[in-house]
Amino acid sequence: MKIYIAGPMTGREKFNRDAFNKEADRLMKHGHTVLNPASLPDGLAHREYMDICFAMLRCADAIMMLPGWQTSSGATAEYHYAYKMEFPVYTTMHYPPVVPVQ
């Protein structure tokens, strides 16, 4: 399954890349293809990151929500898009396995 990771980045230490990369590693170990916005380079405008991230999300089969996503305007926008497109929405609160948000 192709899974996009969503969560808070702006205003977080190192843009929360450690949490994104840890989850990406876990998902890859389970055989998933991971679309990880933490892999994007520094130096883009917020709107450019969001444009790229929505393109990544459109390529996904599901979305994984990291802790704290509810406080991130970008992650909540990604959540609502995924929900509207009827993608499975998963949370890291259930380790393992990966399970849908109810």
PDB file of N, CA and C in Angstrom:
ATOM      1  N   MET A   1       0.845  -1.172   0.000  1.00  0.00           N
ATOM      2  CA  MET A   1       0.000   0.000   0.000  1.00  0.00           C
ATOM      3  C   MET A   1       0.896   1.242   0.000  1.00  0.00           C
ATOM      4  N   LYS A   2       0.490   2.271  -0.719  1.00  0.00           N
ATOM      5  CA  LYS A   2       1.194   3.556  -0.721  1.00  0.00           C
ATOM      6  C   LYS A   2       0.554   4.432   0.357  1.00  0.00           C
ATOM      7  N   ILE A   3       1.353   4.802   1.348  1.00  0.00           N
ATOM      8  CA  ILE A   3       0.831   5.557   2.487  1.00  0.00           C
ATOM      9  C   ILE A   3       1.535   6.907   2.595  1.00  0.00           C
ATOM     10  N   TYR A   4       0.736   7.966   2.635  1.00  0.00           N
ATOM     11  CA  TYR A   4       1.231   9.325   2.837  1.00  0.00           C
ATOM     12  C   TYR A   4       1.227   9.615   4.335  1.00  0.00           C
ATOM     13  N   ILE A   5       2.305  10.193   4.843  1.00  0.00           N
ATOM     14  CA  ILE A   5       2.393  10.546   6.261  1.00  0.00           C
ATOM     15  C   ILE A   5       2.050  12.022   6.432  1.00  0.00           C
ATOM     16  N   ALA A   6       1.136  12.321   7.339  1.00  0.00           N
ATOM     17  CA  ALA A   6       0.732  13.702   7.628  1.00  0.00           C
ATOM     18  C   ALA A   6       0.917  13.980   9.116  1.00  0.00           C
ATOM     19  N   GLY A   7       1.332  15.186   9.419  1.00  0.00           N
ATOM     20  CA  GLY A   7       1.491  15.573  10.815  1.00  0.00           C
ATOM     21  C   GLY A   7       2.031  16.984  10.903  1.00  0.00           C
ATOM     22  N   PRO A   8       2.212  17.468  12.120  1.00  0.00           N
ATOM     23  CA  PRO A   8       2.707  18.835  12.300  1.00  0.00           C
ATOM     24  C   PRO A   8       4.184  18.948  11.932  1.00  0.00           C
ATOM     25  N   MET A   9       4.527  19.998  11.208  1.00  0.00           N
ATOM     26  CA  MET A   9       5.922  20.272  10.858  1.00  0.00           C
ATOM     27  C   MET A   9       6.308  21.705  11.221  1.00  0.00           C
ATOM     28  N   THR A  10       5.498  22.661  10.773  1.00  0.00           N
ATOM     29  CA  THR A  10       5.798  24.076  10.983  1.00  0.00           C
ATOM     30  C   THR A  10       5.868  24.387  12.480  1.00  0.00           C
ATOM     31  N   GLY A  11       6.946  25.041  12.885  1.00  0.00           N
ATOM     32  CA  GLY A  11       7.118  25.427  14.278  1.00  0.00           C
ATOM     33  C   GLY A  11       7.674  24.336  15.167  1.00  0.00           C
ATOM     34  N   ARG A  12       7.901  23.150  14.628  1.00  0.00           N
ATOM     35  CA  ARG A  12       8.461  22.047  15.412  1.00  0.00           C
ATOM     36  C   ARG A  12       9.974  21.979  15.230  1.00  0.00           C
ATOM     37  N   GLU A  13      10.651  21.466  16.258  1.00  0.00           N
ATOM     38  CA  GLU A  13      12.098  21.287  16.175  1.00  0.00           C
ATOM     39  C   GLU A  13      12.441  20.399  14.980  1.00  0.00           C
ATOM     40  N   LYS A  14      13.374  20.845  14.164  1.00  0.00           N
ATOM     41  CA  LYS A  14      13.781  20.133  12.942  1.00  0.00           C
ATOM     42  C   LYS A  14      12.571  19.749  12.083  1.00  0.00           C
ATOM     43  N   PHE A  15      11.531  20.568  12.165  1.00  0.00           N
ATOM     44  CA  PHE A  15      10.295  20.360  11.399  1.00  0.00           C
ATOM     45  C   PHE A  15       9.678  18.980  11.654  1.00  0.00           C
ATOM     46  N   ASN A  16       9.953  18.416  12.826  1.00  0.00           N
ATOM     47  CA  ASN A  16       9.366  17.136  13.233  1.00  0.00           C
ATOM     48  C   ASN A  16       9.818  15.989  12.327  1.00  0.00           C
ATOM     49  N   ARG A  17      10.928  16.173  11.644  1.00  0.00           N
ATOM     50  CA  ARG A  17      11.390  15.150  10.697  1.00  0.00           C
ATOM     51  C   ARG A  17      11.680  13.817  11.370  1.00  0.00           C
ATOM     52  N   ASP A  18      12.155  13.841  12.611  1.00  0.00           N
ATOM     53  CA  ASP A  18      12.449  12.580  13.299  1.00  0.00           C
ATOM     54  C   ASP A  18      11.199  11.715  13.420  1.00  0.00           C
ATOM     55  N   ALA A  19      10.072  12.318  13.786  1.00  0.00           N
ATOM     56  CA  ALA A  19       8.823  11.557  13.926  1.00  0.00           C
ATOM     57  C   ALA A  19       8.357  11.030  12.569  1.00  0.00           C
ATOM     58  N   PHE A  20       8.448  11.860  11.541  1.00  0.00           N
ATOM     59  CA  PHE A  20       8.056  11.427  10.197  1.00  0.00           C
ATOM     60  C   PHE A  20       8.930  10.266   9.732  1.00  0.00           C
ATOM     61  N   ASN A  21      10.239  10.397   9.917  1.00  0.00           N
ATOM     62  CA  ASN A  21      11.158   9.366   9.440  1.00  0.00           C
ATOM     63  C   ASN A  21      11.029   8.070  10.230  1.00  0.00           C
ATOM     64  N   LYS A  22      10.776   8.171  11.527  1.00  0.00           N
ATOM     65  CA  LYS A  22      10.561   6.972  12.345  1.00  0.00           C
ATOM     66  C   LYS A  22       9.332   6.214  11.847  1.00  0.00           C
ATOM     67  N   GLU A  23       8.250   6.936  11.584  1.00  0.00           N
ATOM     68  CA  GLU A  23       7.038   6.287  11.086  1.00  0.00           C
ATOM     69  C   GLU A  23       7.257   5.732   9.686  1.00  0.00           C
ATOM     70  N   ALA A  24       7.986   6.455   8.851  1.00  0.00           N
ATOM     71  CA  ALA A  24       8.285   5.961   7.503  1.00  0.00           C
ATOM     72  C   ALA A  24       9.044   4.639   7.581  1.00  0.00           C
ATOM     73  N   ASP A  25      10.037   4.558   8.457  1.00  0.00           N
ATOM     74  CA  ASP A  25      10.798   3.316   8.625  1.00  0.00           C
ATOM     75  C   ASP A  25       9.895   2.174   9.064  1.00  0.00           C
ATOM     76  N   ARG A  26       9.010   2.446  10.015  1.00  0.00           N
ATOM     77  CA  ARG A  26       8.098   1.403  10.508  1.00  0.00           C
ATOM     78  C   ARG A  26       7.198   0.905   9.383  1.00  0.00           C
ATOM     79  N   LEU A  27       6.650   1.816   8.612  1.00  0.00           N
ATOM     80  CA  LEU A  27       5.753   1.423   7.528  1.00  0.00           C
ATOM     81  C   LEU A  27       6.492   0.651   6.437  1.00  0.00           C
ATOM     82  N   MET A  28       7.711   1.078   6.112  1.00  0.00           N
ATOM     83  CA  MET A  28       8.489   0.365   5.097  1.00  0.00           C
ATOM     84  C   MET A  28       8.817  -1.053   5.549  1.00  0.00           C
ATOM     85  N   LYS A  29       9.077  -1.233   6.845  1.00  0.00           N
ATOM     86  CA  LYS A  29       9.352  -2.576   7.368  1.00  0.00           C
ATOM     87  C   LYS A  29       8.142  -3.491   7.225  1.00  0.00           C
ATOM     88  N   HIS A  30       6.948  -2.901   7.135  1.00  0.00           N
ATOM     89  CA  HIS A  30       5.726  -3.673   6.920  1.00  0.00           C
ATOM     90  C   HIS A  30       5.418  -3.819   5.431  1.00  0.00           C
ATOM     91  N   GLY A  31       6.331  -3.376   4.569  1.00  0.00           N
ATOM     92  CA  GLY A  31       6.180  -3.566   3.138  1.00  0.00           C
ATOM     93  C   GLY A  31       5.447  -2.470   2.387  1.00  0.00           C
ATOM     94  N   HIS A  32       5.168  -1.353   3.046  1.00  0.00           N
ATOM     95  CA  HIS A  32       4.447  -0.261   2.395  1.00  0.00           C
ATOM     96  C   HIS A  32       5.401   0.669   1.642  1.00  0.00           C
ATOM     97  N   THR A  33       4.892   1.312   0.622  1.00  0.00           N
ATOM     98  CA  THR A  33       5.588   2.401  -0.051  1.00  0.00           C
ATOM     99  C   THR A  33       5.184   3.681   0.666  1.00  0.00           C
ATOM    100  N   VAL A  34       6.158   4.453   1.107  1.00  0.00           N
ATOM    101  CA  VAL A  34       5.881   5.613   1.952  1.00  0.00           C
ATOM    102  C   VAL A  34       6.116   6.909   1.184  1.00  0.00           C
ATOM    103  N   LEU A  35       5.143   7.792   1.264  1.00  0.00           N
ATOM    104  CA  LEU A  35       5.242   9.145   0.717  1.00  0.00           C
ATOM    105  C   LEU A  35       5.422  10.076   1.915  1.00  0.00           C
ATOM    106  N   ASN A  36       6.649  10.553   2.088  1.00  0.00           N
ATOM    107  CA  ASN A  36       7.048  11.242   3.312  1.00  0.00           C
ATOM    108  C   ASN A  36       7.412  12.700   3.027  1.00  0.00           C
ATOM    109  N   PRO A  37       6.587  13.656   3.458  1.00  0.00           N
ATOM    110  CA  PRO A  37       6.908  15.065   3.222  1.00  0.00           C
ATOM    111  C   PRO A  37       8.182  15.531   3.924  1.00  0.00           C
ATOM    112  N   ALA A  38       8.654  14.793   4.917  1.00  0.00           N
ATOM    113  CA  ALA A  38       9.900  15.165   5.592  1.00  0.00           C
ATOM    114  C   ALA A  38      11.107  15.000   4.675  1.00  0.00           C
ATOM    115  N   SER A  39      10.919  14.336   3.549  1.00  0.00           N
ATOM    116  CA  SER A  39      12.016  14.163   2.597  1.00  0.00           C
ATOM    117  C   SER A  39      12.192  15.378   1.682  1.00  0.00           C
ATOM    118  N   LEU A  40      11.276  16.333   1.759  1.00  0.00           N
ATOM    119  CA  LEU A  40      11.361  17.523   0.910  1.00  0.00           C
ATOM    120  C   LEU A  40      12.479  18.449   1.387  1.00  0.00           C
ATOM    121  N   PRO A  41      13.098  19.199   0.470  1.00  0.00           N
ATOM    122  CA  PRO A  41      14.214  20.070   0.858  1.00  0.00           C
ATOM    123  C   PRO A  41      13.749  21.315   1.599  1.00  0.00           C
ATOM    124  N   ASP A  42      14.655  21.916   2.337  1.00  0.00           N
ATOM    125  CA  ASP A  42      14.400  23.213   2.962  1.00  0.00           C
ATOM    126  C   ASP A  42      14.364  24.288   1.878  1.00  0.00           C
ATOM    127  N   GLY A  43      13.748  25.435   2.210  1.00  0.00           N
ATOM    128  CA  GLY A  43      13.852  26.599   1.354  1.00  0.00           C
ATOM    129  C   GLY A  43      12.663  26.920   0.482  1.00  0.00           C
ATOM    130  N   LEU A  44      11.589  26.126   0.556  1.00  0.00           N
ATOM    131  CA  LEU A  44      10.394  26.419  -0.227  1.00  0.00           C
ATOM    132  C   LEU A  44       9.414  27.232   0.608  1.00  0.00           C
ATOM    133  N   ALA A  45       8.500  27.901  -0.053  1.00  0.00           N
ATOM    134  CA  ALA A  45       7.424  28.616   0.638  1.00  0.00           C
ATOM    135  C   ALA A  45       6.382  27.605   1.110  1.00  0.00           C
ATOM    136  N   HIS A  46       5.632  27.966   2.157  1.00  0.00           N
ATOM    137  CA  HIS A  46       4.617  27.062   2.700  1.00  0.00           C
ATOM    138  C   HIS A  46       3.642  26.604   1.617  1.00  0.00           C
ATOM    139  N   ARG A  47       3.191  27.515   0.768  1.00  0.00           N
ATOM    140  CA  ARG A  47       2.248  27.142  -0.293  1.00  0.00           C
ATOM    141  C   ARG A  47       2.873  26.140  -1.262  1.00  0.00           C
ATOM    142  N   GLU A  48       4.194  26.246  -1.487  1.00  0.00           N
ATOM    143  CA  GLU A  48       4.875  25.293  -2.371  1.00  0.00           C
ATOM    144  C   GLU A  48       4.942  23.913  -1.729  1.00  0.00           C
ATOM    145  N   TYR A  49       5.229  23.870  -0.424  1.00  0.00           N
ATOM    146  CA  TYR A  49       5.208  22.583   0.275  1.00  0.00           C
ATOM    147  C   TYR A  49       3.820  21.953   0.196  1.00  0.00           C
ATOM    148  N   MET A  50       2.787  22.753   0.433  1.00  0.00           N
ATOM    149  CA  MET A  50       1.427  22.208   0.402  1.00  0.00           C
ATOM    150  C   MET A  50       1.063  21.704  -0.992  1.00  0.00           C
ATOM    151  N   ASP A  51       1.476  22.406  -2.026  1.00  0.00           N
ATOM    152  CA  ASP A  51       1.209  21.973  -3.393  1.00  0.00           C
ATOM    153  C   ASP A  51       1.857  20.615  -3.660  1.00  0.00           C
ATOM    154  N   ILE A  52       3.118  20.468  -3.265  1.00  0.00           N
ATOM    155  CA  ILE A  52       3.824  19.198  -3.447  1.00  0.00           C
ATOM    156  C   ILE A  52       3.179  18.105  -2.602  1.00  0.00           C
ATOM    157  N   CYS A  53       2.836  18.428  -1.368  1.00  0.00           N
ATOM    158  CA  CYS A  53       2.259  17.428  -0.465  1.00  0.00           C
ATOM    159  C   CYS A  53       0.904  16.935  -0.957  1.00  0.00           C
ATOM    160  N   PHE A  54       0.084  17.822  -1.494  1.00  0.00           N
ATOM    161  CA  PHE A  54      -1.200  17.365  -2.030  1.00  0.00           C
ATOM    162  C   PHE A  54      -0.994  16.487  -3.260  1.00  0.00           C
ATOM    163  N   ALA A  55       0.021  16.763  -4.067  1.00  0.00           N
ATOM    164  CA  ALA A  55       0.337  15.882  -5.195  1.00  0.00           C
ATOM    165  C   ALA A  55       0.766  14.507  -4.682  1.00  0.00           C
ATOM    166  N   MET A  56       1.580  14.486  -3.627  1.00  0.00           N
ATOM    167  CA  MET A  56       1.988  13.217  -3.025  1.00  0.00           C
ATOM    168  C   MET A  56       0.774  12.471  -2.484  1.00  0.00           C
ATOM    169  N   LEU A  57      -0.106  13.191  -1.802  1.00  0.00           N
ATOM    170  CA  LEU A  57      -1.297  12.578  -1.220  1.00  0.00           C
ATOM    171  C   LEU A  57      -2.188  11.976  -2.303  1.00  0.00           C
ATOM    172  N   ARG A  58      -2.313  12.655  -3.438  1.00  0.00           N
ATOM    173  CA  ARG A  58      -3.141  12.123  -4.528  1.00  0.00           C
ATOM    174  C   ARG A  58      -2.585  10.817  -5.083  1.00  0.00           C
ATOM    175  N   CYS A  59      -1.297  10.566  -4.898  1.00  0.00           N
ATOM    176  CA  CYS A  59      -0.671   9.321  -5.353  1.00  0.00           C
ATOM    177  C   CYS A  59      -0.846   8.183  -4.352  1.00  0.00           C
ATOM    178  N   ALA A  60      -1.305   8.493  -3.159  1.00  0.00           N
ATOM    179  CA  ALA A  60      -1.379   7.514  -2.069  1.00  0.00           C
ATOM    180  C   ALA A  60      -2.656   6.689  -2.117  1.00  0.00           C
ATOM    181  N   ASP A  61      -2.607   5.568  -1.393  1.00  0.00           N
ATOM    182  CA  ASP A  61      -3.779   4.721  -1.179  1.00  0.00           C
ATOM    183  C   ASP A  61      -4.411   4.996   0.175  1.00  0.00           C
ATOM    184  N   ALA A  62      -3.630   5.599   1.085  1.00  0.00           N
ATOM    185  CA  ALA A  62      -4.085   5.841   2.462  1.00  0.00           C
ATOM    186  C   ALA A  62      -3.236   6.953   3.058  1.00  0.00           C
ATOM    187  N   ILE A  63      -3.692   7.463   4.201  1.00  0.00           N
ATOM    188  CA  ILE A  63      -2.954   8.510   4.913  1.00  0.00           C
ATOM    189  C   ILE A  63      -2.733   8.071   6.359  1.00  0.00           C
ATOM    190  N   MET A  64      -1.529   8.327   6.864  1.00  0.00           N
ATOM    191  CA  MET A  64      -1.167   8.034   8.252  1.00  0.00           C
ATOM    192  C   MET A  64      -1.026   9.357   8.994  1.00  0.00           C
ATOM    193  N   MET A  65      -1.803   9.530  10.046  1.00  0.00           N
ATOM    194  CA  MET A  65      -1.795  10.770  10.820  1.00  0.00           C
ATOM    195  C   MET A  65      -0.875  10.615  12.037  1.00  0.00           C
ATOM    196  N   LEU A  66       0.139  11.471  12.116  1.00  0.00           N
ATOM    197  CA  LEU A  66       1.045  11.462  13.264  1.00  0.00           C
ATOM    198  C   LEU A  66       0.419  12.190  14.451  1.00  0.00           C
ATOM    199  N   PRO A  67       0.870  11.893  15.664  1.00  0.00           N
ATOM    200  CA  PRO A  67       0.360  12.608  16.836  1.00  0.00           C
ATOM    201  C   PRO A  67       0.512  14.121  16.674  1.00  0.00           C
ATOM    202  N   GLY A  68      -0.504  14.847  17.107  1.00  0.00           N
ATOM    203  CA  GLY A  68      -0.500  16.297  17.038  1.00  0.00           C
ATOM    204  C   GLY A  68      -1.030  16.859  15.733  1.00  0.00           C
ATOM    205  N   TRP A  69      -1.473  15.986  14.843  1.00  0.00           N
ATOM    206  CA  TRP A  69      -1.931  16.461  13.528  1.00  0.00           C
ATOM    207  C   TRP A  69      -3.098  17.430  13.633  1.00  0.00           C
ATOM    208  N   GLN A  70      -3.909  17.288  14.687  1.00  0.00           N
ATOM    209  CA  GLN A  70      -5.093  18.144  14.827  1.00  0.00           C
ATOM    210  C   GLN A  70      -4.736  19.612  15.025  1.00  0.00           C
ATOM    211  N   THR A  71      -3.520  19.894  15.467  1.00  0.00           N
ATOM    212  CA  THR A  71      -3.100  21.276  15.710  1.00  0.00           C
ATOM    213  C   THR A  71      -2.374  21.887  14.513  1.00  0.00           C
ATOM    214  N   SER A  72      -2.261  21.143  13.440  1.00  0.00           N
ATOM    215  CA  SER A  72      -1.554  21.604  12.247  1.00  0.00           C
ATOM    216  C   SER A  72      -2.549  21.931  11.140  1.00  0.00           C
ATOM    217  N   SER A  73      -2.519  23.164  10.653  1.00  0.00           N
ATOM    218  CA  SER A  73      -3.458  23.527   9.580  1.00  0.00           C
ATOM    219  C   SER A  73      -3.178  22.729   8.313  1.00  0.00           C
ATOM    220  N   GLY A  74      -1.913  22.465   8.020  1.00  0.00           N
ATOM    221  CA  GLY A  74      -1.584  21.668   6.838  1.00  0.00           C
ATOM    222  C   GLY A  74      -2.050  20.233   6.963  1.00  0.00           C
ATOM    223  N   ALA A  75      -1.775  19.608   8.107  1.00  0.00           N
ATOM    224  CA  ALA A  75      -2.174  18.215   8.308  1.00  0.00           C
ATOM    225  C   ALA A  75      -3.690  18.063   8.363  1.00  0.00           C
ATOM    226  N   THR A  76      -4.392  19.027   8.956  1.00  0.00           N
ATOM    227  CA  THR A  76      -5.858  18.915   8.976  1.00  0.00           C
ATOM    228  C   THR A  76      -6.426  19.080   7.571  1.00  0.00           C
ATOM    229  N   ALA A  77      -5.821  19.929   6.754  1.00  0.00           N
ATOM    230  CA  ALA A  77      -6.262  20.052   5.358  1.00  0.00           C
ATOM    231  C   ALA A  77      -6.046  18.733   4.620  1.00  0.00           C
ATOM    232  N   GLU A  78      -4.904  18.091   4.865  1.00  0.00           N
ATOM    233  CA  GLU A  78      -4.624  16.795   4.234  1.00  0.00           C
ATOM    234  C   GLU A  78      -5.608  15.736   4.719  1.00  0.00           C
ATOM    235  N   TYR A  79      -5.897  15.738   6.015  1.00  0.00           N
ATOM    236  CA  TYR A  79      -6.877  14.801   6.565  1.00  0.00           C
ATOM    237  C   TYR A  79      -8.230  14.974   5.887  1.00  0.00           C
ATOM    238  N   HIS A  80      -8.716  16.201   5.793  1.00  0.00           N
ATOM    239  CA  HIS A  80     -10.040  16.439   5.207  1.00  0.00           C
ATOM    240  C   HIS A  80     -10.076  16.056   3.733  1.00  0.00           C
ATOM    241  N   TYR A  81      -8.994  16.306   3.022  1.00  0.00           N
ATOM    242  CA  TYR A  81      -8.927  15.889   1.618  1.00  0.00           C
ATOM    243  C   TYR A  81      -8.998  14.363   1.525  1.00  0.00           C
ATOM    244  N   ALA A  82      -8.186  13.676   2.325  1.00  0.00           N
ATOM    245  CA  ALA A  82      -8.170  12.211   2.296  1.00  0.00           C
ATOM    246  C   ALA A  82      -9.531  11.640   2.679  1.00  0.00           C
ATOM    247  N   TYR A  83     -10.155  12.215   3.694  1.00  0.00           N
ATOM    248  CA  TYR A  83     -11.479  11.766   4.130  1.00  0.00           C
ATOM    249  C   TYR A  83     -12.499  11.955   3.007  1.00  0.00           C
ATOM    250  N   LYS A  84     -12.474  13.105   2.368  1.00  0.00           N
ATOM    251  CA  LYS A  84     -13.409  13.407   1.283  1.00  0.00           C
ATOM    252  C   LYS A  84     -13.205  12.460   0.099  1.00  0.00           C
ATOM    253  N   MET A  85     -11.959  12.082  -0.161  1.00  0.00           N
ATOM    254  CA  MET A  85     -11.641  11.174  -1.263  1.00  0.00           C
ATOM    255  C   MET A  85     -11.839   9.705  -0.872  1.00  0.00           C
ATOM    256  N   GLU A  86     -12.296   9.484   0.371  1.00  0.00           N
ATOM    257  CA  GLU A  86     -12.574   8.150   0.911  1.00  0.00           C
ATOM    258  C   GLU A  86     -11.330   7.267   0.988  1.00  0.00           C
ATOM    259  N   PHE A  87     -10.176   7.905   1.264  1.00  0.00           N
ATOM    260  CA  PHE A  87      -8.957   7.147   1.529  1.00  0.00           C
ATOM    261  C   PHE A  87      -9.057   6.568   2.937  1.00  0.00           C
ATOM    262  N   PRO A  88      -8.492   5.403   3.173  1.00  0.00           N
ATOM    263  CA  PRO A  88      -8.368   4.951   4.557  1.00  0.00           C
ATOM    264  C   PRO A  88      -7.498   5.943   5.333  1.00  0.00           C
ATOM    265  N   VAL A  89      -7.934   6.288   6.526  1.00  0.00           N
ATOM    266  CA  VAL A  89      -7.191   7.213   7.390  1.00  0.00           C
ATOM    267  C   VAL A  89      -6.718   6.413   8.596  1.00  0.00           C
ATOM    268  N   TYR A  90      -5.398   6.393   8.817  1.00  0.00           N
ATOM    269  CA  TYR A  90      -4.803   5.632   9.908  1.00  0.00           C
ATOM    270  C   TYR A  90      -4.172   6.576  10.918  1.00  0.00           C
ATOM    271  N   THR A  91      -4.007   6.056  12.127  1.00  0.00           N
ATOM    272  CA  THR A  91      -3.348   6.811  13.187  1.00  0.00           C
ATOM    273  C   THR A  91      -2.238   5.963  13.788  1.00  0.00           C
ATOM    274  N   THR A  92      -1.212   6.624  14.303  1.00  0.00           N
ATOM    275  CA  THR A  92      -0.108   5.906  14.946  1.00  0.00           C
ATOM    276  C   THR A  92      -0.443   5.514  16.379  1.00  0.00           C
ATOM    277  N   MET A  93      -1.638   5.852  16.843  1.00  0.00           N
ATOM    278  CA  MET A  93      -2.013   5.515  18.218  1.00  0.00           C
ATOM    279  C   MET A  93      -2.142   4.008  18.410  1.00  0.00           C
ATOM    280  N   HIS A  94      -2.232   3.256  17.350  1.00  0.00           N
ATOM    281  CA  HIS A  94      -2.399   1.803  17.416  1.00  0.00           C
ATOM    282  C   HIS A  94      -1.155   1.140  16.830  1.00  0.00           C
ATOM    283  N   TYR A  95      -0.128   0.934  17.651  1.00  0.00           N
ATOM    284  CA  TYR A  95       1.124   0.319  17.204  1.00  0.00           C
ATOM    285  C   TYR A  95       1.135  -1.131  17.583  1.00  0.00           C
ATOM    286  N   PRO A  96       1.749  -2.023  16.822  1.00  0.00           N
ATOM    287  CA  PRO A  96       1.177  -2.316  15.527  1.00  0.00           C
ATOM    288  C   PRO A  96      -0.159  -2.973  15.740  1.00  0.00           C
ATOM    289  N   PRO A  97      -0.939  -3.305  14.835  1.00  0.00           N
ATOM    290  CA  PRO A  97      -0.762  -3.053  13.418  1.00  0.00           C
ATOM    291  C   PRO A  97      -1.276  -1.681  13.048  1.00  0.00           C
ATOM    292  N   VAL A  98      -1.140  -1.362  11.782  1.00  0.00           N
ATOM    293  CA  VAL A  98      -1.717  -0.136  11.245  1.00  0.00           C
ATOM    294  C   VAL A  98      -3.218  -0.372  11.132  1.00  0.00           C
ATOM    295  N   VAL A  99      -4.002   0.485  11.776  1.00  0.00           N
ATOM    296  CA  VAL A  99      -5.461   0.300  11.750  1.00  0.00           C
ATOM    297  C   VAL A  99      -6.154   1.598  11.363  1.00  0.00           C
ATOM    298  N   PRO A 100      -7.330   1.496  10.742  1.00  0.00           N
ATOM    299  CA  PRO A 100      -8.043   2.710  10.347  1.00  0.00           C
ATOM    300  C   PRO A 100      -8.548   3.510  11.544  1.00  0.00           C
ATOM    301  N   VAL A 101      -8.625   4.820  11.362  1.00  0.00           N
ATOM    302  CA  VAL A 101      -9.268   5.695  12.341  1.00  0.00           C
ATOM    303  C   VAL A 101     -10.763   5.458  12.232  1.00  0.00           C
ATOM    304  N   GLN A 102     -11.432   5.296  13.348  1.00  0.00           N
ATOM    305  CA  GLN A 102     -12.882   5.057  13.321  1.00  0.00           C
ATOM    306  C   GLN A 102     -13.630   6.346  13.443  1.00  0.00           C
TER     307      GLN A 102
END
